[in-house]
Protein backbone atom coordinates (compact mmCIF):
# COMPACT_ATOMS: atom_id res chain seq x y z
CA UNK A 1 0.00 0.00 0.00
CA UNK A 2 2.85 2.39 0.77
CA UNK A 3 4.23 1.98 -2.74
CA UNK A 4 0.84 3.02 -4.11
CA UNK A 5 0.73 6.03 -1.80
CA UNK A 6 4.23 7.04 -2.92
CA UNK A 7 3.14 6.47 -6.54
CA UNK A 8 6.02 4.14 -7.32
CA UNK A 9 5.55 2.60 -10.75
CA UNK A 10 8.95 0.96 -11.32
CA UNK A 11 9.60 -0.64 -7.95
CA UNK A 12 10.90 -3.88 -9.46
CA UNK A 13 13.42 -2.12 -11.70
CA UNK A 14 14.23 1.11 -9.89
CA UNK A 15 16.82 0.93 -7.14
CA UNK A 16 15.90 4.47 -6.07
CA UNK A 17 12.23 3.56 -5.57
CA UNK A 18 13.17 0.38 -3.70
CA UNK A 19 15.47 2.32 -1.35
CA UNK A 20 12.86 5.01 -0.73
CA UNK A 21 10.20 2.40 -0.03
CA UNK A 22 12.54 0.72 2.45
CA UNK A 23 13.33 4.10 4.10
CA UNK A 24 9.68 5.01 4.61
CA UNK A 25 8.59 1.47 5.52
CA UNK A 26 11.30 1.17 8.18
CA UNK A 27 10.33 4.53 9.64
CA UNK A 28 6.62 3.71 9.58
CA UNK A 29 7.07 0.39 11.39
CA UNK A 30 9.48 1.90 13.89
CA UNK A 31 6.86 4.51 14.81
CA UNK A 32 4.05 1.93 14.88
CA UNK A 33 6.08 -0.24 17.27
CA UNK A 34 6.25 2.73 19.63
CA UNK A 35 2.46 3.08 19.53
CA UNK A 36 2.49 6.55 17.98
CA UNK A 37 -0.99 7.97 17.48
CA UNK A 38 -2.19 8.69 13.96
CA UNK A 39 -1.20 12.36 14.26
CA UNK A 40 2.20 11.43 15.67
CA UNK A 41 2.74 8.87 12.92
CA UNK A 42 1.83 11.46 10.31
CA UNK A 43 4.18 14.01 11.87
CA UNK A 44 7.00 11.49 12.02
CA UNK A 45 6.53 10.55 8.36
CA UNK A 46 6.53 14.26 7.47
CA UNK A 47 9.76 14.64 9.41
CA UNK A 48 11.34 11.72 7.52
CA UNK A 49 10.29 13.30 4.24
CA UNK A 50 11.52 16.75 5.28
CA UNK A 51 14.97 15.49 6.25
CA UNK A 52 15.30 13.43 3.09
CA UNK A 53 14.32 16.42 0.94
CA UNK A 54 16.95 18.51 2.72
CA UNK A 55 19.57 15.98 1.65
CA UNK A 56 18.36 15.30 -1.87
CA UNK A 57 16.97 18.66 -3.03
CA UNK A 58 18.82 21.21 -0.92
CA UNK A 59 22.05 19.16 -0.77
CA UNK A 60 22.44 19.96 2.93
CA UNK A 61 25.31 18.47 4.82
CA UNK A 62 24.57 16.02 7.60
CA UNK A 63 25.47 18.70 10.14
CA UNK A 64 23.11 21.25 8.60
CA UNK A 65 20.35 18.67 8.44
CA UNK A 66 20.86 17.85 12.11
CA UNK A 67 20.47 21.56 12.86
CA UNK A 68 17.18 21.51 10.97
CA UNK A 69 16.09 18.51 13.02
CA UNK A 70 16.95 20.41 16.20
CA UNK A 71 14.86 23.38 15.02
CA UNK A 72 11.93 21.11 14.20
CA UNK A 73 12.12 19.41 17.60
CA UNK A 74 12.65 22.63 19.56
CA UNK A 75 10.02 23.38 22.13
CA UNK A 76 8.66 19.87 22.54
CA UNK A 77 7.45 19.60 26.09
CA UNK A 78 7.32 23.38 26.55
CA UNK A 79 4.09 24.85 27.87
CA UNK A 80 4.72 28.25 26.29
CA UNK A 81 2.96 28.06 22.91
CA UNK A 82 5.42 30.56 21.40
CA UNK A 83 8.34 28.19 22.06
CA UNK A 84 6.69 24.94 21.01
CA UNK A 85 7.26 23.82 17.45
CA UNK A 86 5.05 22.07 14.94
CA UNK A 87 5.86 18.71 16.50
CA UNK A 88 4.56 19.53 19.97
CA UNK A 89 2.26 16.48 19.87
CA UNK A 90 5.30 14.34 20.77
CA UNK A 91 6.37 13.80 24.36
CA UNK A 92 9.93 14.52 25.41
CA UNK A 93 10.60 10.77 25.60
CA UNK A 94 9.24 10.27 22.09
CA UNK A 95 11.35 13.16 20.80
CA UNK A 96 14.47 11.62 22.30
CA UNK A 97 13.59 8.26 20.71
CA UNK A 98 13.09 9.97 17.32
CA UNK A 99 16.47 11.68 17.57
CA UNK A 100 18.09 8.37 18.50
CA UNK A 101 16.37 6.66 15.56
CA UNK A 102 17.45 9.29 13.09
C-alpha atoms as a PDB file:
ATOM      1  CA  UNK A   1       0.000   0.000   0.000  1.00  0.00           C
ATOM      2  CA  UNK A   2       2.848   2.390   0.768  1.00  0.00           C
ATOM      3  CA  UNK A   3       4.235   1.976  -2.738  1.00  0.00           C
ATOM      4  CA  UNK A   4       0.838   3.018  -4.112  1.00  0.00           C
ATOM      5  CA  UNK A   5       0.727   6.031  -1.802  1.00  0.00           C
ATOM      6  CA  UNK A   6       4.226   7.039  -2.922  1.00  0.00           C
ATOM      7  CA  UNK A   7       3.138   6.473  -6.543  1.00  0.00           C
ATOM      8  CA  UNK A   8       6.024   4.141  -7.321  1.00  0.00           C
ATOM      9  CA  UNK A   9       5.548   2.597 -10.748  1.00  0.00           C
ATOM     10  CA  UNK A  10       8.947   0.956 -11.320  1.00  0.00           C
ATOM     11  CA  UNK A  11       9.600  -0.639  -7.946  1.00  0.00           C
ATOM     12  CA  UNK A  12      10.899  -3.880  -9.459  1.00  0.00           C
ATOM     13  CA  UNK A  13      13.421  -2.120 -11.701  1.00  0.00           C
ATOM     14  CA  UNK A  14      14.227   1.113  -9.891  1.00  0.00           C
ATOM     15  CA  UNK A  15      16.820   0.933  -7.135  1.00  0.00           C
ATOM     16  CA  UNK A  16      15.898   4.472  -6.068  1.00  0.00           C
ATOM     17  CA  UNK A  17      12.233   3.555  -5.575  1.00  0.00           C
ATOM     18  CA  UNK A  18      13.171   0.382  -3.699  1.00  0.00           C
ATOM     19  CA  UNK A  19      15.472   2.316  -1.352  1.00  0.00           C
ATOM     20  CA  UNK A  20      12.860   5.011  -0.732  1.00  0.00           C
ATOM     21  CA  UNK A  21      10.195   2.397  -0.034  1.00  0.00           C
ATOM     22  CA  UNK A  22      12.544   0.719   2.453  1.00  0.00           C
ATOM     23  CA  UNK A  23      13.327   4.098   4.099  1.00  0.00           C
ATOM     24  CA  UNK A  24       9.682   5.006   4.611  1.00  0.00           C
ATOM     25  CA  UNK A  25       8.591   1.475   5.523  1.00  0.00           C
ATOM     26  CA  UNK A  26      11.299   1.169   8.179  1.00  0.00           C
ATOM     27  CA  UNK A  27      10.328   4.528   9.637  1.00  0.00           C
ATOM     28  CA  UNK A  28       6.623   3.707   9.583  1.00  0.00           C
ATOM     29  CA  UNK A  29       7.066   0.392  11.389  1.00  0.00           C
ATOM     30  CA  UNK A  30       9.481   1.897  13.895  1.00  0.00           C
ATOM     31  CA  UNK A  31       6.857   4.506  14.810  1.00  0.00           C
ATOM     32  CA  UNK A  32       4.049   1.927  14.879  1.00  0.00           C
ATOM     33  CA  UNK A  33       6.077  -0.237  17.268  1.00  0.00           C
ATOM     34  CA  UNK A  34       6.249   2.729  19.631  1.00  0.00           C
ATOM     35  CA  UNK A  35       2.460   3.081  19.532  1.00  0.00           C
ATOM     36  CA  UNK A  36       2.487   6.545  17.983  1.00  0.00           C
ATOM     37  CA  UNK A  37      -0.986   7.974  17.484  1.00  0.00           C
ATOM     38  CA  UNK A  38      -2.189   8.690  13.963  1.00  0.00           C
ATOM     39  CA  UNK A  39      -1.200  12.355  14.260  1.00  0.00           C
ATOM     40  CA  UNK A  40       2.204  11.435  15.673  1.00  0.00           C
ATOM     41  CA  UNK A  41       2.736   8.874  12.925  1.00  0.00           C
ATOM     42  CA  UNK A  42       1.829  11.459  10.306  1.00  0.00           C
ATOM     43  CA  UNK A  43       4.179  14.011  11.875  1.00  0.00           C
ATOM     44  CA  UNK A  44       7.003  11.487  12.019  1.00  0.00           C
ATOM     45  CA  UNK A  45       6.531  10.551   8.363  1.00  0.00           C
ATOM     46  CA  UNK A  46       6.526  14.258   7.472  1.00  0.00           C
ATOM     47  CA  UNK A  47       9.763  14.637   9.412  1.00  0.00           C
ATOM     48  CA  UNK A  48      11.343  11.724   7.516  1.00  0.00           C
ATOM     49  CA  UNK A  49      10.288  13.303   4.236  1.00  0.00           C
ATOM     50  CA  UNK A  50      11.519  16.754   5.279  1.00  0.00           C
ATOM     51  CA  UNK A  51      14.965  15.491   6.255  1.00  0.00           C
ATOM     52  CA  UNK A  52      15.299  13.430   3.089  1.00  0.00           C
ATOM     53  CA  UNK A  53      14.324  16.418   0.941  1.00  0.00           C
ATOM     54  CA  UNK A  54      16.946  18.511   2.721  1.00  0.00           C
ATOM     55  CA  UNK A  55      19.568  15.981   1.646  1.00  0.00           C
ATOM     56  CA  UNK A  56      18.358  15.304  -1.874  1.00  0.00           C
ATOM     57  CA  UNK A  57      16.972  18.657  -3.033  1.00  0.00           C
ATOM     58  CA  UNK A  58      18.818  21.209  -0.922  1.00  0.00           C
ATOM     59  CA  UNK A  59      22.050  19.162  -0.766  1.00  0.00           C
ATOM     60  CA  UNK A  60      22.439  19.959   2.930  1.00  0.00           C
ATOM     61  CA  UNK A  61      25.313  18.466   4.821  1.00  0.00           C
ATOM     62  CA  UNK A  62      24.572  16.022   7.602  1.00  0.00           C
ATOM     63  CA  UNK A  63      25.472  18.705  10.138  1.00  0.00           C
ATOM     64  CA  UNK A  64      23.110  21.248   8.604  1.00  0.00           C
ATOM     65  CA  UNK A  65      20.349  18.669   8.441  1.00  0.00           C
ATOM     66  CA  UNK A  66      20.859  17.847  12.113  1.00  0.00           C
ATOM     67  CA  UNK A  67      20.472  21.563  12.863  1.00  0.00           C
ATOM     68  CA  UNK A  68      17.178  21.514  10.969  1.00  0.00           C
ATOM     69  CA  UNK A  69      16.089  18.509  13.023  1.00  0.00           C
ATOM     70  CA  UNK A  70      16.946  20.411  16.201  1.00  0.00           C
ATOM     71  CA  UNK A  71      14.861  23.380  15.023  1.00  0.00           C
ATOM     72  CA  UNK A  72      11.935  21.105  14.200  1.00  0.00           C
ATOM     73  CA  UNK A  73      12.121  19.412  17.602  1.00  0.00           C
ATOM     74  CA  UNK A  74      12.652  22.634  19.565  1.00  0.00           C
ATOM     75  CA  UNK A  75      10.018  23.377  22.134  1.00  0.00           C
ATOM     76  CA  UNK A  76       8.663  19.871  22.537  1.00  0.00           C
ATOM     77  CA  UNK A  77       7.446  19.605  26.092  1.00  0.00           C
ATOM     78  CA  UNK A  78       7.319  23.380  26.552  1.00  0.00           C
ATOM     79  CA  UNK A  79       4.093  24.851  27.872  1.00  0.00           C
ATOM     80  CA  UNK A  80       4.725  28.247  26.285  1.00  0.00           C
ATOM     81  CA  UNK A  81       2.962  28.059  22.910  1.00  0.00           C
ATOM     82  CA  UNK A  82       5.421  30.558  21.404  1.00  0.00           C
ATOM     83  CA  UNK A  83       8.342  28.195  22.057  1.00  0.00           C
ATOM     84  CA  UNK A  84       6.685  24.943  21.005  1.00  0.00           C
ATOM     85  CA  UNK A  85       7.261  23.819  17.448  1.00  0.00           C
ATOM     86  CA  UNK A  86       5.049  22.074  14.937  1.00  0.00           C
ATOM     87  CA  UNK A  87       5.862  18.706  16.502  1.00  0.00           C
ATOM     88  CA  UNK A  88       4.563  19.526  19.975  1.00  0.00           C
ATOM     89  CA  UNK A  89       2.262  16.484  19.868  1.00  0.00           C
ATOM     90  CA  UNK A  90       5.301  14.339  20.768  1.00  0.00           C
ATOM     91  CA  UNK A  91       6.365  13.803  24.360  1.00  0.00           C
ATOM     92  CA  UNK A  92       9.934  14.520  25.415  1.00  0.00           C
ATOM     93  CA  UNK A  93      10.602  10.769  25.601  1.00  0.00           C
ATOM     94  CA  UNK A  94       9.242  10.271  22.087  1.00  0.00           C
ATOM     95  CA  UNK A  95      11.349  13.165  20.798  1.00  0.00           C
ATOM     96  CA  UNK A  96      14.470  11.616  22.302  1.00  0.00           C
ATOM     97  CA  UNK A  97      13.594   8.263  20.707  1.00  0.00           C
ATOM     98  CA  UNK A  98      13.086   9.974  17.318  1.00  0.00           C
ATOM     99  CA  UNK A  99      16.468  11.682  17.566  1.00  0.00           C
ATOM    100  CA  UNK A 100      18.092   8.370  18.501  1.00  0.00           C
ATOM    101  CA  UNK A 101      16.373   6.660  15.561  1.00  0.00           C
ATOM    102  CA  UNK A 102      17.449   9.293  13.086  1.00  0.00           C
END
